[in-house]
Amino acid sequence: MDFGTISLNLSADAMIPQIPNGLENPEQVSLAFAIGMAFGYIFYGVAVVFGIPCNAFVLFRMYKFAKQFGEVFSNGIGICLFTMAIADIVSLASICVHYVLSFGLIEVNVGSHGVICKIVLFLTHVSTSVSIWSWLLMSLLRYLSVYYPMVYIQLWKLPVRILAITLGGAFVTNIWLLIAVTYIPTEVAYSGSCDQLPLFESQPDLNRIFLFVEIIWSFCIPTAAIVFVDSSVYLCRYSLIKQTRKLEKELRKSTSPQIKKNRKTLWKWLVIALIDIGLNLPEQINRMAVILGLVPGNDELTEFYLLMRVFAQLLYYLQFSFNGVYLALFIYDKSTNPNISNRSFKSANRNQNVEQIPLAGRSPESRHLHNSFISCSSDDDRPKLKNSPSSLQQKKPVKAVQSLGVY
């Protein structure tokens, strides 16, 4: 087994840490180290085997949803889920290609391997950035719908615009990898390793600066924003129900089941976001430690550090499988089935008498944002109108958006 090629993530000095001195001979590797590395590779395979099919299933469901509810898809979180699934598939496919080449299952010449290293590293970093920013965009849409519903109504193609900016930012912050990354054959690693060279020999620390900027853009900013907006949405709901006694009594009579369902959904999305952040955090901490020079050179690395590095990266890639598996099993199938959504909406309408304001907004999904209990603003001046025939005609797409998890 090749113990040298254990990383696909670019560090400040080398993308793949080499086996430390004294461990070049496989006979000198401890049994615990060999078992740990074997389990690491096995779990990498599990992540790919489960992650790619589940994310492909997500793409299929989102494609069907887009054909039936085009405006809802492009103006809501549907396009975010579609983009995130593509990014997750690219990341998992990249790690798969990397390890197929690392184990020598496919022989390629040095020049071709160098091109593959550049493309794999670039796509991995770009797709990781796009994935977490797509998650942030979904959180942002929920935040706007609760705190600024009128602003949310007037927005048009907001997800598409933000995703375009996100993709551009990911390309800009990682384009240097296509120049710096190269392939270096080694005696220890059967197929060599993908390393990075200084962009400019006179400024070797410039690579560290680019890596630092990439971490800030692809992890620190979106992570902080996700925690803030998701927590704010839940706290808004909680404080609204607790502080407005009159409204609370009314909701207990008419919409108590729906409120509990919305609150449960908010908690669900917040927990998923925190799990993703937790899976991402160990590798990001390691990258930052390498950039700051807190990690010794490859010649001084220990077995313990190499094992921790492998499992940190394993958690990093498991996030892409986690997204696909969880959402494919518990979110996408019901949320993109128009028949289920329509039946659920009719059932809820028979059991509840929720007063809504029919709107003629640009996006069909905006019509469900104005239940009398949705905004954190004052309740005294909020108009209350009964459902009109025109609004009843829009129940089907409205419920489809509700099922997709805006709340």
Protein backbone atom coordinates (compact mmCIF):
# COMPACT_ATOMS: atom_id res chain seq x y z
CA MET A 1 0.00 0.00 0.00
CA ASP A 2 1.20 3.48 -0.83
CA PHE A 3 1.45 5.37 2.47
CA GLY A 4 3.09 8.40 0.91
CA THR A 5 0.20 9.68 -1.16
CA ILE A 6 -2.32 10.55 1.51
CA SER A 7 -3.48 14.08 0.75
CA LEU A 8 -5.28 15.83 -2.01
CA ASN A 9 -5.40 19.19 -0.24
CA LEU A 10 -2.75 21.74 -0.89
CA SER A 11 -0.67 22.79 2.08
CA ALA A 12 1.84 25.60 2.25
CA ASP A 13 4.83 23.47 1.33
CA ALA A 14 3.57 20.34 -0.40
CA MET A 15 0.18 19.04 -1.25
CA ILE A 16 1.10 15.51 -0.20
CA PRO A 17 3.22 15.06 2.94
CA GLN A 18 5.92 12.50 2.47
CA ILE A 19 6.64 9.61 4.80
CA PRO A 20 8.98 10.86 7.56
CA ASN A 21 12.55 9.68 7.90
CA GLY A 22 12.80 6.13 9.18
CA LEU A 23 9.44 5.12 7.70
CA GLU A 24 10.40 4.81 4.05
CA ASN A 25 10.67 1.04 4.41
CA PRO A 26 7.18 -0.48 4.84
CA GLU A 27 8.66 -3.00 7.29
CA GLN A 28 9.51 -0.12 9.66
CA VAL A 29 5.93 1.19 9.72
CA SER A 30 4.08 0.34 12.93
CA LEU A 31 1.04 -1.92 12.84
CA ALA A 32 -1.22 0.81 14.26
CA PHE A 33 -0.11 3.21 11.54
CA ALA A 34 -0.72 0.64 8.79
CA ILE A 35 -4.19 -0.22 10.14
CA GLY A 36 -5.10 3.45 10.52
CA MET A 37 -4.05 4.24 6.98
CA ALA A 38 -5.95 1.23 5.66
CA PHE A 39 -9.13 2.35 7.41
CA GLY A 40 -8.61 5.84 6.05
CA TYR A 41 -8.50 4.61 2.47
CA ILE A 42 -11.52 2.36 3.05
CA PHE A 43 -13.60 5.26 4.31
CA TYR A 44 -12.47 7.35 1.36
CA GLY A 45 -13.94 4.65 -0.85
CA VAL A 46 -17.16 4.60 1.17
CA ALA A 47 -17.49 8.36 0.79
CA VAL A 48 -17.17 8.09 -2.98
CA VAL A 49 -19.44 5.04 -3.34
CA PHE A 50 -22.30 6.60 -1.39
CA GLY A 51 -21.70 10.27 -2.11
CA ILE A 52 -21.65 10.32 -5.91
CA PRO A 53 -24.87 8.29 -6.47
CA CYS A 54 -26.79 10.26 -3.82
CA ASN A 55 -25.73 13.59 -5.26
CA ALA A 56 -26.57 12.32 -8.74
CA PHE A 57 -30.04 11.45 -7.44
CA VAL A 58 -30.31 15.01 -6.12
CA LEU A 59 -29.47 16.37 -9.56
CA PHE A 60 -32.16 14.20 -11.11
CA ARG A 61 -34.80 15.39 -8.65
CA MET A 62 -33.79 19.02 -9.04
CA TYR A 63 -33.94 18.67 -12.83
CA LYS A 64 -37.51 17.36 -12.63
CA PHE A 65 -38.42 20.12 -10.20
CA ALA A 66 -36.95 22.78 -12.51
CA LYS A 67 -39.02 21.52 -15.44
CA GLN A 68 -42.27 21.69 -13.45
CA PHE A 69 -41.63 24.86 -11.41
CA GLY A 70 -39.06 26.84 -13.39
CA GLU A 71 -39.47 30.20 -11.66
CA VAL A 72 -39.57 28.69 -8.19
CA PHE A 73 -36.42 26.72 -8.99
CA SER A 74 -34.41 29.68 -10.31
CA ASN A 75 -35.57 32.14 -7.64
CA GLY A 76 -35.43 29.85 -4.60
CA ILE A 77 -33.15 27.32 -3.01
CA GLY A 78 -33.67 24.78 -5.79
CA ILE A 79 -30.85 26.26 -7.87
CA CYS A 80 -28.67 26.30 -4.74
CA LEU A 81 -29.25 22.60 -4.12
CA PHE A 82 -28.56 21.83 -7.77
CA THR A 83 -25.28 23.75 -7.72
CA MET A 84 -24.18 22.22 -4.42
CA ALA A 85 -24.84 18.71 -5.72
CA ILE A 86 -22.69 19.36 -8.80
CA ALA A 87 -19.89 20.76 -6.64
CA ASP A 88 -20.02 17.75 -4.31
CA ILE A 89 -19.86 15.32 -7.24
CA VAL A 90 -16.84 17.14 -8.67
CA SER A 91 -15.04 16.99 -5.31
CA LEU A 92 -15.73 13.28 -4.83
CA ALA A 93 -14.81 12.48 -8.42
CA SER A 94 -11.53 14.37 -7.97
CA ILE A 95 -10.54 12.36 -4.91
CA CYS A 96 -11.48 9.19 -6.78
CA VAL A 97 -9.27 10.07 -9.76
CA HIS A 98 -6.42 11.01 -7.46
CA TYR A 99 -6.37 7.70 -5.61
CA VAL A 100 -6.83 5.61 -8.74
CA LEU A 101 -3.63 7.19 -10.04
CA SER A 102 -1.91 7.00 -6.65
CA PHE A 103 -2.32 3.23 -6.46
CA GLY A 104 -1.06 2.86 -10.02
CA LEU A 105 -4.31 1.32 -11.27
CA ILE A 106 -3.96 3.39 -14.44
CA GLU A 107 -0.55 4.17 -15.88
CA VAL A 108 -0.04 7.62 -17.38
CA ASN A 109 3.10 9.45 -18.42
CA VAL A 110 4.64 12.18 -16.31
CA GLY A 111 3.33 15.02 -18.46
CA SER A 112 -0.26 13.78 -18.37
CA HIS A 113 -0.04 13.16 -14.64
CA GLY A 114 1.12 16.73 -14.13
CA VAL A 115 -1.90 18.08 -16.03
CA ILE A 116 -4.20 15.83 -14.00
CA CYS A 117 -2.68 17.12 -10.76
CA LYS A 118 -3.35 20.72 -11.78
CA ILE A 119 -6.95 20.05 -12.84
CA VAL A 120 -7.80 17.86 -9.85
CA LEU A 121 -6.45 20.34 -7.30
CA PHE A 122 -8.07 23.30 -8.99
CA LEU A 123 -11.49 21.65 -9.33
CA THR A 124 -11.37 20.34 -5.77
CA HIS A 125 -10.73 23.75 -4.25
CA VAL A 126 -13.23 25.51 -6.52
CA SER A 127 -16.00 22.98 -5.90
CA THR A 128 -15.41 23.09 -2.14
CA SER A 129 -15.79 26.84 -2.16
CA VAL A 130 -18.92 26.74 -4.34
CA SER A 131 -20.50 24.06 -2.15
CA ILE A 132 -20.21 25.94 1.12
CA TRP A 133 -21.24 29.25 -0.48
CA SER A 134 -24.33 27.52 -1.92
CA TRP A 135 -25.21 26.46 1.59
CA LEU A 136 -24.72 30.03 2.78
CA LEU A 137 -27.04 31.29 0.03
CA MET A 138 -29.80 28.94 1.21
CA SER A 139 -29.37 30.26 4.74
CA LEU A 140 -29.42 33.83 3.43
CA LEU A 141 -32.72 33.26 1.62
CA ARG A 142 -34.30 31.99 4.83
CA TYR A 143 -32.89 34.98 6.70
CA LEU A 144 -34.29 37.50 4.20
CA SER A 145 -37.70 35.82 4.14
CA VAL A 146 -37.98 36.21 7.92
CA TYR A 147 -36.32 39.56 8.65
CA TYR A 148 -36.85 41.42 5.35
CA PRO A 149 -39.82 39.79 3.59
CA MET A 150 -40.57 42.85 1.42
CA VAL A 151 -36.97 42.91 0.19
CA TYR A 152 -37.15 39.19 -0.48
CA ILE A 153 -40.29 39.64 -2.58
CA GLN A 154 -38.66 42.25 -4.82
CA LEU A 155 -35.53 40.23 -5.51
CA TRP A 156 -35.32 38.65 -8.93
CA LYS A 157 -32.85 35.93 -9.89
CA LEU A 158 -30.94 36.60 -6.65
CA PRO A 159 -29.63 33.02 -6.27
CA VAL A 160 -28.37 32.93 -9.85
CA ARG A 161 -26.56 36.24 -9.44
CA ILE A 162 -24.94 35.30 -6.14
CA LEU A 163 -23.91 31.88 -7.43
CA ALA A 164 -22.28 33.54 -10.44
CA ILE A 165 -20.32 35.83 -8.10
CA THR A 166 -19.40 32.84 -5.92
CA LEU A 167 -18.12 30.85 -8.88
CA GLY A 168 -16.10 33.84 -10.05
CA GLY A 169 -14.59 34.31 -6.59
CA ALA A 170 -13.68 30.63 -6.39
CA PHE A 171 -11.92 30.80 -9.77
CA VAL A 172 -10.01 33.96 -8.87
CA THR A 173 -8.81 32.69 -5.49
CA ASN A 174 -7.65 29.34 -6.91
CA ILE A 175 -6.48 30.11 -10.46
CA TRP A 176 -2.87 30.23 -9.25
CA LEU A 177 -3.02 26.47 -8.57
CA LEU A 178 -2.98 25.80 -12.31
CA ILE A 179 0.49 27.34 -12.37
CA ALA A 180 1.98 26.29 -9.03
CA VAL A 181 0.90 22.64 -8.89
CA THR A 182 3.13 20.08 -10.54
CA TYR A 183 3.80 16.34 -10.52
CA ILE A 184 6.99 15.01 -8.98
CA PRO A 185 7.83 11.29 -9.30
CA THR A 186 9.25 9.82 -6.11
CA GLU A 187 10.71 6.53 -5.02
CA VAL A 188 8.50 6.26 -1.95
CA ALA A 189 5.16 6.94 -3.64
CA TYR A 190 4.54 4.49 -6.47
CA SER A 191 3.03 7.13 -8.70
CA GLY A 192 4.80 10.13 -7.25
CA SER A 193 3.00 13.07 -5.71
CA CYS A 194 1.29 16.30 -6.64
CA ASP A 195 3.31 19.13 -5.14
CA GLN A 196 3.36 22.86 -5.49
CA LEU A 197 6.27 25.01 -6.52
CA PRO A 198 6.75 28.68 -5.61
CA LEU A 199 5.08 30.99 -8.11
CA PHE A 200 8.16 33.20 -7.94
CA GLU A 201 11.50 31.94 -6.71
CA SER A 202 12.25 35.34 -5.22
CA GLN A 203 9.03 35.29 -3.14
CA PRO A 204 8.51 31.75 -1.80
CA ASP A 205 5.99 32.93 0.81
CA LEU A 206 3.59 34.21 -1.84
CA ASN A 207 1.99 30.77 -2.02
CA ARG A 208 1.17 30.96 1.68
CA ILE A 209 -0.59 34.27 1.14
CA PHE A 210 -2.74 32.83 -1.64
CA LEU A 211 -3.59 29.81 0.51
CA PHE A 212 -4.52 32.07 3.41
CA VAL A 213 -6.83 34.14 1.19
CA GLU A 214 -8.44 30.95 -0.14
CA ILE A 215 -9.17 29.69 3.39
CA ILE A 216 -10.71 33.02 4.38
CA TRP A 217 -12.89 33.07 1.25
CA SER A 218 -13.97 29.42 1.16
CA PHE A 219 -14.31 28.69 4.88
CA CYS A 220 -14.06 31.52 7.39
CA ILE A 221 -16.47 34.00 5.77
CA PRO A 222 -19.23 31.54 4.77
CA THR A 223 -18.99 29.60 8.03
CA ALA A 224 -19.40 32.68 10.19
CA ALA A 225 -22.27 33.91 8.01
CA ILE A 226 -24.07 30.54 8.06
CA VAL A 227 -23.98 30.31 11.84
CA PHE A 228 -25.18 33.90 12.18
CA VAL A 229 -28.09 33.82 9.73
CA ASP A 230 -29.39 30.36 10.69
CA SER A 231 -29.22 31.20 14.39
CA SER A 232 -30.91 34.55 13.77
CA VAL A 233 -33.79 32.94 11.88
CA TYR A 234 -34.46 30.49 14.68
CA LEU A 235 -34.13 33.12 17.42
CA CYS A 236 -36.54 35.36 15.50
CA ARG A 237 -39.15 32.63 15.43
CA TYR A 238 -38.60 31.80 19.08
CA SER A 239 -38.78 35.38 20.35
CA LEU A 240 -41.81 36.17 18.19
CA ILE A 241 -43.85 33.34 19.66
CA LYS A 242 -42.75 34.04 23.23
CA GLN A 243 -43.18 37.81 23.25
CA THR A 244 -46.44 38.21 21.34
CA ARG A 245 -49.03 36.65 23.65
CA LYS A 246 -52.03 37.62 21.61
CA LEU A 247 -50.54 36.20 18.45
CA GLU A 248 -49.42 33.12 20.31
CA LYS A 249 -52.96 32.35 21.48
CA GLU A 250 -54.24 32.75 17.95
CA LEU A 251 -51.55 30.49 16.56
CA ARG A 252 -52.30 27.81 19.13
CA LYS A 253 -55.83 27.62 17.79
CA SER A 254 -55.10 27.73 14.09
CA THR A 255 -51.46 27.10 13.17
CA SER A 256 -49.80 25.39 16.12
CA PRO A 257 -48.92 22.22 14.12
CA GLN A 258 -47.46 24.29 11.29
CA ILE A 259 -45.40 26.43 13.71
CA LYS A 260 -43.97 23.31 15.33
CA LYS A 261 -43.15 21.91 11.90
CA ASN A 262 -41.42 25.14 10.84
CA ARG A 263 -39.43 25.26 14.07
CA LYS A 264 -38.36 21.64 13.63
CA THR A 265 -37.27 22.37 10.06
CA LEU A 266 -35.20 25.35 11.19
CA TRP A 267 -33.46 23.25 13.81
CA LYS A 268 -32.84 20.54 11.22
CA TRP A 269 -31.12 22.92 8.79
CA LEU A 270 -29.08 24.49 11.59
CA VAL A 271 -27.86 21.08 12.81
CA ILE A 272 -26.95 20.02 9.26
CA ALA A 273 -24.99 23.24 8.78
CA LEU A 274 -23.12 22.72 12.07
CA ILE A 275 -22.28 19.12 11.12
CA ASP A 276 -20.88 20.29 7.77
CA ILE A 277 -18.81 22.92 9.54
CA GLY A 278 -17.56 20.33 12.02
CA LEU A 279 -16.50 17.99 9.21
CA ASN A 280 -14.67 20.85 7.51
CA LEU A 281 -13.01 22.34 10.59
CA PRO A 282 -10.15 19.86 11.33
CA GLU A 283 -8.66 20.12 7.84
CA GLN A 284 -8.99 23.90 7.80
CA ILE A 285 -7.20 24.11 11.16
CA ASN A 286 -4.41 21.92 9.81
CA ARG A 287 -4.08 24.06 6.68
CA MET A 288 -3.87 27.19 8.77
CA ALA A 289 -1.25 25.60 11.02
CA VAL A 290 0.85 24.68 7.99
CA ILE A 291 0.53 28.18 6.53
CA LEU A 292 1.61 29.75 9.82
CA GLY A 293 4.61 27.42 10.06
CA LEU A 294 3.35 25.53 13.10
CA VAL A 295 3.74 22.14 11.40
CA PRO A 296 7.27 20.74 10.94
CA GLY A 297 8.68 19.81 7.55
CA ASN A 298 8.02 16.49 5.88
CA ASP A 299 11.27 15.03 7.21
CA GLU A 300 10.11 15.58 10.80
CA LEU A 301 6.51 14.37 10.51
CA THR A 302 5.44 11.59 12.85
CA GLU A 303 3.09 8.67 12.37
CA PHE A 304 0.57 10.26 14.72
CA TYR A 305 0.47 13.49 12.72
CA LEU A 306 0.10 11.62 9.43
CA LEU A 307 -2.83 9.64 10.81
CA MET A 308 -4.49 12.78 12.14
CA ARG A 309 -3.94 14.45 8.78
CA VAL A 310 -5.52 11.55 6.90
CA PHE A 311 -8.61 11.46 9.09
CA ALA A 312 -8.96 15.24 9.03
CA GLN A 313 -9.05 15.06 5.25
CA LEU A 314 -11.41 12.09 5.45
CA LEU A 315 -13.88 14.19 7.42
CA TYR A 316 -13.34 16.98 4.91
CA TYR A 317 -14.48 14.78 2.02
CA LEU A 318 -17.22 13.07 4.01
CA GLN A 319 -19.10 16.37 4.09
CA PHE A 320 -19.82 16.00 0.37
CA SER A 321 -21.24 12.52 0.89
CA PHE A 322 -23.14 13.64 3.98
CA ASN A 323 -24.90 16.37 2.02
CA GLY A 324 -26.00 13.99 -0.70
CA VAL A 325 -27.01 11.07 1.54
CA TYR A 326 -28.97 13.06 4.10
CA LEU A 327 -30.78 15.37 1.73
CA ALA A 328 -31.52 12.66 -0.82
CA LEU A 329 -33.10 10.46 1.86
CA PHE A 330 -34.93 13.03 3.97
CA ILE A 331 -35.41 16.22 1.95
CA TYR A 332 -35.30 15.99 -1.83
CA ASP A 333 -37.64 13.08 -2.52
CA LYS A 334 -40.66 14.65 -0.83
CA SER A 335 -39.86 18.24 -1.62
CA THR A 336 -39.65 17.69 -5.37
CA ASN A 337 -42.69 15.48 -5.75
CA PRO A 338 -45.54 17.77 -6.87
CA ASN A 339 -48.22 15.21 -6.05
CA ILE A 340 -47.01 14.81 -2.47
CA SER A 341 -46.64 18.55 -2.08
CA ASN A 342 -50.14 19.21 -3.42
CA ARG A 343 -51.76 16.59 -1.17
CA SER A 344 -49.88 17.89 1.87
CA PHE A 345 -50.95 21.45 1.15
CA LYS A 346 -54.62 20.49 0.75
CA SER A 347 -54.52 18.50 3.98
CA ALA A 348 -52.93 21.37 5.87
CA ASN A 349 -55.47 23.79 4.41
CA ARG A 350 -58.39 21.66 5.66
CA ASN A 351 -57.00 21.50 9.20
CA GLN A 352 -55.79 25.08 9.48
CA ASN A 353 -57.30 28.46 8.78
CA VAL A 354 -54.15 30.49 8.20
CA GLU A 355 -54.76 34.05 7.04
CA GLN A 356 -52.52 35.00 4.13
CA ILE A 357 -51.92 38.01 1.93
CA PRO A 358 -52.08 37.19 -1.79
CA LEU A 359 -49.28 38.99 -3.55
CA ALA A 360 -48.42 39.64 -7.16
CA GLY A 361 -44.69 39.38 -6.62
CA ARG A 362 -42.25 38.49 -9.34
CA SER A 363 -41.47 35.10 -7.91
CA PRO A 364 -44.21 32.54 -7.13
CA GLU A 365 -42.35 31.48 -4.00
CA SER A 366 -42.75 34.92 -2.46
CA ARG A 367 -46.46 34.40 -1.88
CA HIS A 368 -45.94 32.10 1.08
CA LEU A 369 -43.81 34.60 2.96
CA HIS A 370 -46.61 36.72 4.34
CA ASN A 371 -48.42 34.62 6.85
CA SER A 372 -49.29 36.88 9.73
CA PHE A 373 -46.67 35.25 11.93
CA ILE A 374 -43.64 35.25 9.65
CA SER A 375 -41.95 38.61 10.11
CA CYS A 376 -40.14 39.91 13.16
CA SER A 377 -41.66 43.34 12.65
CA SER A 378 -44.55 44.75 14.65
CA ASP A 379 -47.87 42.90 14.48
CA ASP A 380 -50.11 45.91 15.06
CA ASP A 381 -49.91 47.35 11.58
CA ARG A 382 -49.79 44.09 9.69
CA PRO A 383 -52.82 43.76 7.34
CA LYS A 384 -54.79 40.54 7.41
CA LEU A 385 -56.67 39.35 4.36
CA LYS A 386 -58.44 36.14 3.57
CA ASN A 387 -57.26 33.87 0.81
CA SER A 388 -58.52 35.10 -2.52
CA PRO A 389 -59.32 32.85 -5.50
CA SER A 390 -56.17 34.05 -7.26
CA SER A 391 -53.99 33.02 -4.33
CA LEU A 392 -55.67 29.63 -4.08
CA GLN A 393 -54.58 28.91 -7.64
CA GLN A 394 -50.95 29.22 -6.56
CA LYS A 395 -51.04 26.65 -3.77
CA LYS A 396 -49.16 23.99 -5.64
CA PRO A 397 -45.94 25.91 -6.35
CA VAL A 398 -46.14 27.63 -2.97
CA LYS A 399 -46.14 24.33 -1.13
CA ALA A 400 -43.31 23.08 -3.29
CA VAL A 401 -41.17 25.95 -2.05
CA GLN A 402 -42.20 25.38 1.56
CA SER A 403 -41.18 21.75 1.26
CA LEU A 404 -37.78 22.70 -0.09
CA GLY A 405 -36.84 24.07 3.28
CA VAL A 406 -37.05 27.85 3.13
CA TYR A 407 -38.42 27.49 6.66
